[in-house]
PDB file of N, CA and C in Angstrom:
ATOM      1  N   MET A   1      11.088  41.170  14.645  1.00  0.00           N
ATOM      2  CA  MET A   1      10.896  41.714  15.922  1.00  0.00           C
ATOM      3  C   MET A   1      10.803  43.241  15.471  1.00  0.00           C
ATOM      4  N   HIS A   2       9.837  43.804  15.893  1.00  0.00           N
ATOM      5  CA  HIS A   2       9.519  45.435  15.602  1.00  0.00           C
ATOM      6  C   HIS A   2       9.506  46.281  17.045  1.00  0.00           C
ATOM      7  N   ILE A   3       9.585  47.823  16.928  1.00  0.00           N
ATOM      8  CA  ILE A   3      10.116  48.626  17.915  1.00  0.00           C
ATOM      9  C   ILE A   3       8.585  49.309  17.816  1.00  0.00           C
ATOM     10  N   ALA A   4       7.845  49.648  19.125  1.00  0.00           N
ATOM     11  CA  ALA A   4       6.941  50.662  18.844  1.00  0.00           C
ATOM     12  C   ALA A   4       7.363  51.707  20.063  1.00  0.00           C
ATOM     13  N   THR A   5       6.599  52.883  19.925  1.00  0.00           N
ATOM     14  CA  THR A   5       6.385  53.644  20.958  1.00  0.00           C
ATOM     15  C   THR A   5       5.442  53.732  21.621  1.00  0.00           C
ATOM     16  N   ILE A   6       5.410  53.907  22.944  1.00  0.00           N
ATOM     17  CA  ILE A   6       4.269  54.402  23.851  1.00  0.00           C
ATOM     18  C   ILE A   6       3.960  55.978  23.702  1.00  0.00           C
ATOM     19  N   SER A   7       2.784  56.318  23.563  1.00  0.00           N
ATOM     20  CA  SER A   7       2.285  57.466  23.316  1.00  0.00           C
ATOM     21  C   SER A   7       2.125  58.218  24.815  1.00  0.00           C
ATOM     22  N   SER A   8       1.814  59.613  24.791  1.00  0.00           N
ATOM     23  CA  SER A   8       1.493  60.161  26.157  1.00  0.00           C
ATOM     24  C   SER A   8       0.020  59.475  26.613  1.00  0.00           C
ATOM     25  N   LYS A   9      -0.490  58.919  25.983  1.00  0.00           N
ATOM     26  CA  LYS A   9      -1.957  58.394  26.175  1.00  0.00           C
ATOM     27  C   LYS A   9      -1.749  56.882  26.535  1.00  0.00           C
ATOM     28  N   ARG A  10      -0.153  56.258  26.566  1.00  0.00           N
ATOM     29  CA  ARG A  10       0.110  55.248  27.280  1.00  0.00           C
ATOM     30  C   ARG A  10      -0.384  54.155  25.732  1.00  0.00           C
ATOM     31  N   GLN A  11      -0.455  54.336  24.612  1.00  0.00           N
ATOM     32  CA  GLN A  11      -1.105  53.550  23.699  1.00  0.00           C
ATOM     33  C   GLN A  11       0.186  53.295  22.744  1.00  0.00           C
ATOM     34  N   ILE A  12      -0.100  52.201  22.221  1.00  0.00           N
ATOM     35  CA  ILE A  12       0.980  51.745  21.253  1.00  0.00           C
ATOM     36  C   ILE A  12       0.250  51.247  19.758  1.00  0.00           C
ATOM     37  N   THR A  13       1.065  51.676  18.600  1.00  0.00           N
ATOM     38  CA  THR A  13       0.528  51.297  17.355  1.00  0.00           C
ATOM     39  C   THR A  13       1.307  49.956  16.698  1.00  0.00           C
ATOM     40  N   LEU A  14       0.581  49.137  16.532  1.00  0.00           N
ATOM     41  CA  LEU A  14       1.029  47.744  16.120  1.00  0.00           C
ATOM     42  C   LEU A  14       1.065  47.841  14.564  1.00  0.00           C
ATOM     43  N   PRO A  15       2.151  47.578  14.151  1.00  0.00           N
ATOM     44  CA  PRO A  15       2.018  47.130  12.485  1.00  0.00           C
ATOM     45  C   PRO A  15       0.779  46.427  11.901  1.00  0.00           C
ATOM     46  N   LYS A  16       0.318  46.865  10.696  1.00  0.00           N
ATOM     47  CA  LYS A  16      -0.921  46.254  10.407  1.00  0.00           C
ATOM     48  C   LYS A  16      -0.679  44.922  10.033  1.00  0.00           C
ATOM     49  N   HIS A  17       0.450  44.444   9.281  1.00  0.00           N
ATOM     50  CA  HIS A  17       0.702  43.232   8.524  1.00  0.00           C
ATOM     51  C   HIS A  17       0.650  42.213   9.973  1.00  0.00           C
ATOM     52  N   LEU A  18       1.123  42.424  11.247  1.00  0.00           N
ATOM     53  CA  LEU A  18       1.312  41.447  12.489  1.00  0.00           C
ATOM     54  C   LEU A  18      -0.150  41.264  12.750  1.00  0.00           C
ATOM     55  N   LEU A  19      -0.855  42.437  13.056  1.00  0.00           N
ATOM     56  CA  LEU A  19      -2.426  42.143  13.233  1.00  0.00           C
ATOM     57  C   LEU A  19      -3.215  41.268  12.399  1.00  0.00           C
ATOM     58  N   GLU A  20      -3.067  41.606  10.978  1.00  0.00           N
ATOM     59  CA  GLU A  20      -3.904  40.954   9.920  1.00  0.00           C
ATOM     60  C   GLU A  20      -3.270  39.388  10.021  1.00  0.00           C
ATOM     61  N   SER A  21      -2.108  38.994  10.347  1.00  0.00           N
ATOM     62  CA  SER A  21      -1.671  37.720  10.447  1.00  0.00           C
ATOM     63  C   SER A  21      -2.363  36.917  11.529  1.00  0.00           C
ATOM     64  N   LEU A  22      -2.570  37.711  12.512  1.00  0.00           N
ATOM     65  CA  LEU A  22      -3.519  37.116  13.410  1.00  0.00           C
ATOM     66  C   LEU A  22      -5.245  37.218  13.369  1.00  0.00           C
ATOM     67  N   GLY A  23      -5.481  37.749  12.168  1.00  0.00           N
ATOM     68  CA  GLY A  23      -6.884  37.895  12.073  1.00  0.00           C
ATOM     69  C   GLY A  23      -7.366  39.063  12.786  1.00  0.00           C
ATOM     70  N   LEU A  24      -6.698  40.109  13.296  1.00  0.00           N
ATOM     71  CA  LEU A  24      -7.340  40.987  13.924  1.00  0.00           C
ATOM     72  C   LEU A  24      -7.561  42.287  13.249  1.00  0.00           C
ATOM     73  N   GLU A  25      -8.888  42.619  13.454  1.00  0.00           N
ATOM     74  CA  GLU A  25      -9.397  43.791  12.910  1.00  0.00           C
ATOM     75  C   GLU A  25      -9.743  44.840  13.792  1.00  0.00           C
ATOM     76  N   PRO A  26     -10.040  46.274  13.245  1.00  0.00           N
ATOM     77  CA  PRO A  26     -10.261  47.393  14.410  1.00  0.00           C
ATOM     78  C   PRO A  26     -11.449  46.904  15.120  1.00  0.00           C
ATOM     79  N   LYS A  27     -11.435  47.061  16.259  1.00  0.00           N
ATOM     80  CA  LYS A  27     -12.794  46.981  17.350  1.00  0.00           C
ATOM     81  C   LYS A  27     -12.627  45.347  17.871  1.00  0.00           C
ATOM     82  N   LYS A  28     -11.523  44.506  17.371  1.00  0.00           N
ATOM     83  CA  LYS A  28     -11.212  42.993  17.733  1.00  0.00           C
ATOM     84  C   LYS A  28     -10.941  43.280  19.129  1.00  0.00           C
ATOM     85  N   LYS A  29     -11.175  42.192  20.177  1.00  0.00           N
ATOM     86  CA  LYS A  29     -10.418  42.162  21.399  1.00  0.00           C
ATOM     87  C   LYS A  29      -9.121  41.493  21.279  1.00  0.00           C
ATOM     88  N   VAL A  30      -8.306  41.693  22.482  1.00  0.00           N
ATOM     89  CA  VAL A  30      -6.990  40.808  22.421  1.00  0.00           C
ATOM     90  C   VAL A  30      -7.172  40.635  23.828  1.00  0.00           C
ATOM     91  N   LEU A  31      -6.382  39.516  24.186  1.00  0.00           N
ATOM     92  CA  LEU A  31      -6.083  39.120  25.780  1.00  0.00           C
ATOM     93  C   LEU A  31      -4.349  39.361  26.120  1.00  0.00           C
ATOM     94  N   ILE A  32      -4.137  40.176  26.928  1.00  0.00           N
ATOM     95  CA  ILE A  32      -2.918  40.543  27.089  1.00  0.00           C
ATOM     96  C   ILE A  32      -2.365  40.102  28.536  1.00  0.00           C
ATOM     97  N   GLU A  33      -1.478  39.372  28.520  1.00  0.00           N
ATOM     98  CA  GLU A  33      -0.911  38.595  29.528  1.00  0.00           C
ATOM     99  C   GLU A  33       0.330  39.148  29.759  1.00  0.00           C
ATOM    100  N   ARG A  34       0.461  39.208  31.002  1.00  0.00           N
ATOM    101  CA  ARG A  34       2.260  39.670  31.801  1.00  0.00           C
ATOM    102  C   ARG A  34       2.509  38.390  32.147  1.00  0.00           C
ATOM    103  N   ASP A  35       3.772  38.108  31.578  1.00  0.00           N
ATOM    104  CA  ASP A  35       4.770  36.746  31.797  1.00  0.00           C
ATOM    105  C   ASP A  35       6.104  37.059  32.070  1.00  0.00           C
ATOM    106  N   LYS A  36       6.685  37.158  33.571  1.00  0.00           N
ATOM    107  CA  LYS A  36       8.117  37.361  33.559  1.00  0.00           C
ATOM    108  C   LYS A  36       8.669  38.470  32.852  1.00  0.00           C
ATOM    109  N   GLY A  37       8.134  39.648  32.951  1.00  0.00           N
ATOM    110  CA  GLY A  37       8.422  40.776  32.660  1.00  0.00           C
ATOM    111  C   GLY A  37       8.162  41.044  30.956  1.00  0.00           C
ATOM    112  N   THR A  38       7.310  40.394  30.280  1.00  0.00           N
ATOM    113  CA  THR A  38       6.944  40.476  28.687  1.00  0.00           C
ATOM    114  C   THR A  38       5.620  40.643  29.028  1.00  0.00           C
ATOM    115  N   LEU A  39       5.141  41.176  27.966  1.00  0.00           N
ATOM    116  CA  LEU A  39       3.558  41.147  27.718  1.00  0.00           C
ATOM    117  C   LEU A  39       3.218  40.234  26.290  1.00  0.00           C
ATOM    118  N   ARG A  40       2.055  39.466  26.307  1.00  0.00           N
ATOM    119  CA  ARG A  40       1.905  38.686  25.281  1.00  0.00           C
ATOM    120  C   ARG A  40       0.320  38.986  24.875  1.00  0.00           C
ATOM    121  N   LEU A  41       0.074  39.330  23.517  1.00  0.00           N
ATOM    122  CA  LEU A  41      -1.087  39.810  23.106  1.00  0.00           C
ATOM    123  C   LEU A  41      -1.780  38.195  22.302  1.00  0.00           C
ATOM    124  N   ARG A  42      -2.633  38.061  22.174  1.00  0.00           N
ATOM    125  CA  ARG A  42      -3.424  36.998  21.566  1.00  0.00           C
ATOM    126  C   ARG A  42      -5.104  37.364  21.272  1.00  0.00           C
ATOM    127  N   PRO A  43      -5.436  36.894  20.303  1.00  0.00           N
ATOM    128  CA  PRO A  43      -6.865  37.194  19.768  1.00  0.00           C
ATOM    129  C   PRO A  43      -7.653  36.588  20.907  1.00  0.00           C
ATOM    130  N   VAL A  44      -8.769  37.100  21.403  1.00  0.00           N
ATOM    131  CA  VAL A  44      -9.759  36.691  21.892  1.00  0.00           C
ATOM    132  C   VAL A  44     -10.664  36.028  20.755  1.00  0.00           C
ATOM    133  N   ARG A  45     -10.961  34.582  20.748  1.00  0.00           N
ATOM    134  CA  ARG A  45     -11.606  33.956  19.834  1.00  0.00           C
ATOM    135  C   ARG A  45     -13.049  33.581  20.602  1.00  0.00           C
ATOM    136  N   LYS A  46     -12.788  33.347  21.920  1.00  0.00           N
ATOM    137  CA  LYS A  46     -14.186  33.041  22.389  1.00  0.00           C
ATOM    138  C   LYS A  46     -14.575  34.083  23.457  1.00  0.00           C
ATOM    139  N   SER A  47     -15.593  33.897  24.341  1.00  0.00           N
ATOM    140  CA  SER A  47     -15.867  34.643  25.507  1.00  0.00           C
ATOM    141  C   SER A  47     -14.796  35.053  26.184  1.00  0.00           C
ATOM    142  N   VAL A  48     -14.722  36.340  26.774  1.00  0.00           N
ATOM    143  CA  VAL A  48     -13.728  36.495  27.564  1.00  0.00           C
ATOM    144  C   VAL A  48     -13.669  35.598  28.836  1.00  0.00           C
ATOM    145  N   VAL A  49     -14.671  35.447  29.374  1.00  0.00           N
ATOM    146  CA  VAL A  49     -14.605  34.178  30.168  1.00  0.00           C
ATOM    147  C   VAL A  49     -13.943  33.197  29.897  1.00  0.00           C
ATOM    148  N   GLU A  50     -13.949  32.578  28.741  1.00  0.00           N
ATOM    149  CA  GLU A  50     -13.897  31.151  28.634  1.00  0.00           C
ATOM    150  C   GLU A  50     -12.413  31.482  28.416  1.00  0.00           C
ATOM    151  N   GLU A  51     -11.901  32.461  27.784  1.00  0.00           N
ATOM    152  CA  GLU A  51     -10.483  32.890  27.511  1.00  0.00           C
ATOM    153  C   GLU A  51      -9.765  32.825  28.759  1.00  0.00           C
ATOM    154  N   THR A  52     -10.111  33.374  29.796  1.00  0.00           N
ATOM    155  CA  THR A  52      -9.461  33.664  31.363  1.00  0.00           C
ATOM    156  C   THR A  52      -9.915  32.306  32.186  1.00  0.00           C
ATOM    157  N   ALA A  53     -10.719  31.535  31.775  1.00  0.00           N
ATOM    158  CA  ALA A  53     -11.083  30.607  32.637  1.00  0.00           C
ATOM    159  C   ALA A  53      -9.968  29.559  33.206  1.00  0.00           C
ATOM    160  N   GLY A  54      -8.797  29.118  32.182  1.00  0.00           N
ATOM    161  CA  GLY A  54      -7.895  28.307  32.712  1.00  0.00           C
ATOM    162  C   GLY A  54      -7.061  29.145  33.627  1.00  0.00           C
ATOM    163  N   SER A  55      -6.949  30.206  33.629  1.00  0.00           N
ATOM    164  CA  SER A  55      -6.075  30.888  34.847  1.00  0.00           C
ATOM    165  C   SER A  55      -7.017  31.599  35.820  1.00  0.00           C
ATOM    166  N   LEU A  56      -8.246  31.564  35.806  1.00  0.00           N
ATOM    167  CA  LEU A  56      -8.962  32.097  36.817  1.00  0.00           C
ATOM    168  C   LEU A  56     -10.143  30.904  37.098  1.00  0.00           C
ATOM    169  N   LYS A  57     -10.045  29.784  36.797  1.00  0.00           N
ATOM    170  CA  LYS A  57     -11.068  28.724  36.763  1.00  0.00           C
ATOM    171  C   LYS A  57     -11.675  28.878  38.383  1.00  0.00           C
ATOM    172  N   LYS A  58     -10.829  29.057  39.470  1.00  0.00           N
ATOM    173  CA  LYS A  58     -11.362  28.609  40.686  1.00  0.00           C
ATOM    174  C   LYS A  58     -12.374  29.855  40.735  1.00  0.00           C
ATOM    175  N   TYR A  59     -12.353  30.970  40.246  1.00  0.00           N
ATOM    176  CA  TYR A  59     -13.018  32.299  40.542  1.00  0.00           C
ATOM    177  C   TYR A  59     -14.556  31.993  39.573  1.00  0.00           C
ATOM    178  N   VAL A  60     -14.355  31.666  38.490  1.00  0.00           N
ATOM    179  CA  VAL A  60     -15.313  31.425  37.503  1.00  0.00           C
ATOM    180  C   VAL A  60     -16.494  30.295  37.896  1.00  0.00           C
ATOM    181  N   HIS A  61     -17.669  30.790  38.088  1.00  0.00           N
ATOM    182  CA  HIS A  61     -18.952  29.602  38.290  1.00  0.00           C
ATOM    183  C   HIS A  61     -19.057  29.043  36.908  1.00  0.00           C
ATOM    184  N   PRO A  62     -19.311  27.474  36.949  1.00  0.00           N
ATOM    185  CA  PRO A  62     -19.432  26.714  35.457  1.00  0.00           C
ATOM    186  C   PRO A  62     -20.587  27.476  34.725  1.00  0.00           C
ATOM    187  N   SER A  63     -21.508  27.911  35.482  1.00  0.00           N
ATOM    188  CA  SER A  63     -22.882  28.573  34.538  1.00  0.00           C
ATOM    189  C   SER A  63     -22.270  29.698  33.702  1.00  0.00           C
ATOM    190  N   LEU A  64     -21.127  30.366  33.989  1.00  0.00           N
ATOM    191  CA  LEU A  64     -21.076  31.528  33.258  1.00  0.00           C
ATOM    192  C   LEU A  64     -20.177  31.245  31.945  1.00  0.00           C
ATOM    193  N   LEU A  65     -19.528  30.115  31.948  1.00  0.00           N
ATOM    194  CA  LEU A  65     -18.778  29.782  30.336  1.00  0.00           C
ATOM    195  C   LEU A  65     -19.706  29.679  29.336  1.00  0.00           C
ATOM    196  N   GLY A  66     -19.012  30.090  28.506  1.00  0.00           N
ATOM    197  CA  GLY A  66     -20.155  30.318  27.103  1.00  0.00           C
ATOM    198  C   GLY A  66     -20.715  31.651  27.105  1.00  0.00           C
ATOM    199  N   LYS A  67     -20.873  32.294  28.103  1.00  0.00           N
ATOM    200  CA  LYS A  67     -21.620  33.660  27.793  1.00  0.00           C
ATOM    201  C   LYS A  67     -20.632  34.747  27.729  1.00  0.00           C
ATOM    202  N   SER A  68     -21.565  35.448  26.920  1.00  0.00           N
ATOM    203  CA  SER A  68     -20.707  37.079  26.820  1.00  0.00           C
ATOM    204  C   SER A  68     -20.524  37.821  27.953  1.00  0.00           C
ATOM    205  N   ILE A  69     -19.617  38.708  27.672  1.00  0.00           N
ATOM    206  CA  ILE A  69     -19.070  39.497  29.022  1.00  0.00           C
ATOM    207  C   ILE A  69     -20.592  40.515  29.143  1.00  0.00           C
ATOM    208  N   GLU A  70     -21.324  40.887  27.846  1.00  0.00           N
ATOM    209  CA  GLU A  70     -22.705  41.684  28.127  1.00  0.00           C
ATOM    210  C   GLU A  70     -23.858  40.789  28.799  1.00  0.00           C
ATOM    211  N   GLU A  71     -23.784  39.244  28.203  1.00  0.00           N
ATOM    212  CA  GLU A  71     -25.105  38.483  28.925  1.00  0.00           C
ATOM    213  C   GLU A  71     -24.612  38.205  30.659  1.00  0.00           C
ATOM    214  N   ILE A  72     -23.385  38.218  30.779  1.00  0.00           N
ATOM    215  CA  ILE A  72     -22.994  38.260  32.363  1.00  0.00           C
ATOM    216  C   ILE A  72     -23.176  39.656  33.303  1.00  0.00           C
ATOM    217  N   ASP A  73     -22.802  40.620  32.450  1.00  0.00           N
ATOM    218  CA  ASP A  73     -23.200  41.604  33.350  1.00  0.00           C
ATOM    219  C   ASP A  73     -24.828  42.233  33.440  1.00  0.00           C
ATOM    220  N   ARG A  74     -25.675  41.685  32.086  1.00  0.00           N
ATOM    221  CA  ARG A  74     -27.091  41.840  32.342  1.00  0.00           C
ATOM    222  C   ARG A  74     -27.448  40.892  33.751  1.00  0.00           C
ATOM    223  N   GLU A  75     -27.058  39.815  33.735  1.00  0.00           N
ATOM    224  CA  GLU A  75     -27.562  38.805  34.758  1.00  0.00           C
ATOM    225  C   GLU A  75     -27.026  39.195  36.014  1.00  0.00           C
ATOM    226  N   ALA A  76     -25.951  39.800  36.382  1.00  0.00           N
ATOM    227  CA  ALA A  76     -25.216  40.390  37.413  1.00  0.00           C
ATOM    228  C   ALA A  76     -26.159  41.863  37.777  1.00  0.00           C
ATOM    229  N   LYS A  77     -26.629  42.551  36.925  1.00  0.00           N
ATOM    230  CA  LYS A  77     -27.401  43.794  37.169  1.00  0.00           C
ATOM    231  C   LYS A  77     -28.751  43.055  37.909  1.00  0.00           C
ATOM    232  N   LYS A  78     -29.348  42.098  37.013  1.00  0.00           N
ATOM    233  CA  LYS A  78     -30.587  41.600  37.515  1.00  0.00           C
ATOM    234  C   LYS A  78     -30.710  41.589  38.941  1.00  0.00           C
ATOM    235  N   LEU A  79     -29.666  40.531  39.110  1.00  0.00           N
ATOM    236  CA  LEU A  79     -29.327  39.771  40.455  1.00  0.00           C
ATOM    237  C   LEU A  79     -29.316  40.911  41.643  1.00  0.00           C
ATOM    238  N   TYR A  80     -28.752  42.057  41.217  1.00  0.00           N
ATOM    239  CA  TYR A  80     -28.095  43.157  42.300  1.00  0.00           C
ATOM    240  C   TYR A  80     -29.456  43.702  42.463  1.00  0.00           C
ATOM    241  N   ALA A  81     -30.174  44.034  41.589  1.00  0.00           N
ATOM    242  CA  ALA A  81     -31.663  44.842  41.678  1.00  0.00           C
ATOM    243  C   ALA A  81     -32.595  43.827  42.168  1.00  0.00           C
ATOM    244  N   GLU A  82     -32.499  42.552  42.497  1.00  0.00           N
ATOM    245  CA  GLU A  82     -33.562  41.809  42.882  1.00  0.00           C
ATOM    246  C   GLU A  82     -32.862  42.049  44.515  1.00  0.00           C
ATOM    247  N   TYR A  83     -31.524  41.847  44.598  1.00  0.00           N
ATOM    248  CA  TYR A  83     -31.177  41.907  46.076  1.00  0.00           C
ATOM    249  C   TYR A  83     -31.612  42.959  46.754  1.00  0.00           C
ATOM    250  N   LEU A  84     -31.383  44.305  46.076  1.00  0.00           N
ATOM    251  CA  LEU A  84     -31.842  45.437  46.705  1.00  0.00           C
ATOM    252  C   LEU A  84     -33.213  45.741  46.628  1.00  0.00           C
ATOM    253  N   ALA A  85     -34.052  45.154  45.819  1.00  0.00           N
ATOM    254  CA  ALA A  85     -35.573  45.083  45.844  1.00  0.00           C
ATOM    255  C   ALA A  85     -35.877  44.508  47.235  1.00  0.00           C
ATOM    256  N   LYS A  86     -35.460  43.014  47.605  1.00  0.00           N
ATOM    257  CA  LYS A  86     -35.467  42.608  48.578  1.00  0.00           C
ATOM    258  C   LYS A  86     -35.085  43.070  49.912  1.00  0.00           C
ATOM    259  N   LYS A  87     -34.102  43.571  49.944  1.00  0.00           N
ATOM    260  CA  LYS A  87     -33.565  44.040  51.225  1.00  0.00           C
ATOM    261  C   LYS A  87     -34.305  45.475  51.666  1.00  0.00           C
ATOM    262  N   TYR A  88     -34.658  46.312  50.596  1.00  0.00           N
ATOM    263  CA  TYR A  88     -35.427  47.413  51.006  1.00  0.00           C
ATOM    264  C   TYR A  88     -37.066  47.476  50.581  1.00  0.00           C
ATOM    265  N   GLY A  89     -37.528  45.978  50.644  1.00  0.00           N
ATOM    266  CA  GLY A  89     -38.921  45.804  50.594  1.00  0.00           C
ATOM    267  C   GLY A  89     -39.733  46.573  49.535  1.00  0.00           C
ATOM    268  N   LEU A  90     -39.030  46.646  48.275  1.00  0.00           N
ATOM    269  CA  LEU A  90     -39.579  47.462  47.342  1.00  0.00           C
ATOM    270  C   LEU A  90     -40.482  46.659  46.394  1.00  0.00           C
ATOM    271  N   VAL A  91     -40.280  45.396  46.228  1.00  0.00           N
ATOM    272  CA  VAL A  91     -41.323  44.358  45.610  1.00  0.00           C
ATOM    273  C   VAL A  91     -40.676  43.254  45.927  1.00  0.00           C
ATOM    274  N   ARG A  92     -41.702  42.089  45.927  1.00  0.00           N
ATOM    275  CA  ARG A  92     -41.431  40.708  46.451  1.00  0.00           C
ATOM    276  C   ARG A  92     -40.461  39.784  45.258  1.00  0.00           C
ATOM    277  N   LYS A  93     -40.544  40.205  44.435  1.00  0.00           N
ATOM    278  CA  LYS A  93     -40.113  39.332  42.908  1.00  0.00           C
ATOM    279  C   LYS A  93     -39.839  40.272  41.621  1.00  0.00           C
ATOM    280  N   ILE A  94     -38.742  40.475  41.177  1.00  0.00           N
ATOM    281  CA  ILE A  94     -38.728  40.727  39.659  1.00  0.00           C
ATOM    282  C   ILE A  94     -39.209  39.969  38.657  1.00  0.00           C
ATOM    283  N   LYS A  95     -39.798  40.115  37.734  1.00  0.00           N
ATOM    284  CA  LYS A  95     -40.036  39.259  36.709  1.00  0.00           C
ATOM    285  C   LYS A  95     -38.627  38.979  35.884  1.00  0.00           C
ATOM    286  N   LYS A  96     -38.517  37.879  35.602  1.00  0.00           N
ATOM    287  CA  LYS A  96     -37.402  37.322  34.835  1.00  0.00           C
ATOM    288  C   LYS A  96     -37.700  37.470  33.228  1.00  0.00           C
TER     289      LYS A  96
END
């Protein structure tokens, strides 16, 4: 067990050996879950959608599984641009 202090920026520093034991390096993503008054950290080994799909399955479209957050973001922006173009009559169809 280790004790960490929360900084004024609400950040904590975790011991290097603990992070290394999980295969975590700087810039890697971790999934943080709140469970009955505790926080649990675990490495994100898959896309964020796949990691959270179990708890959010009813909200995640199957076509999103296996895609990175960047791919999902690009697709969402493309669909929104098409929606706006159609709504305001700017163009008939945006090339894919």
